[in-house]
Amino acid sequence: MINKQQKKKILKLVDEGLSQNKIAELLKVSQATVGYWASEELRKKKIKTQIERFRNKSKEERSKIYKKRLEYQKKYQNYRYKHDEEFRRKQLEAVKKK
């Protein structure tokens, strides 16, 4: 079990860009422990980076991304509709309510 001080240190080192293995070596804890505590922070950082990259794209590039995403969503829903009985039932109920 790690204490609050170690947790803060892990998050600080992650923010500085050190790898999980390196942090584990420095703090003498397992890589899994570092991964557990760093995962939320890394996820937030990754999402923030992805948003920034997307915002820096041109309108045409963003439009292409939206179209691909829409195609994927349609494909996924079509697959679920064909293979997932519960999903199909809910979709049909939603249509009947309209």
Foldseek 3Di string as FASTA:
>chain_A
DDDPVLLVVLCVVVVVPDDLVVSCVVVVHDSVVSCVSCVVVVVVVVVVVVVVVLVPDDPVVVVVVVVVVVVVVVVVLVVCCVPPPVSVVVVVVVVVVD
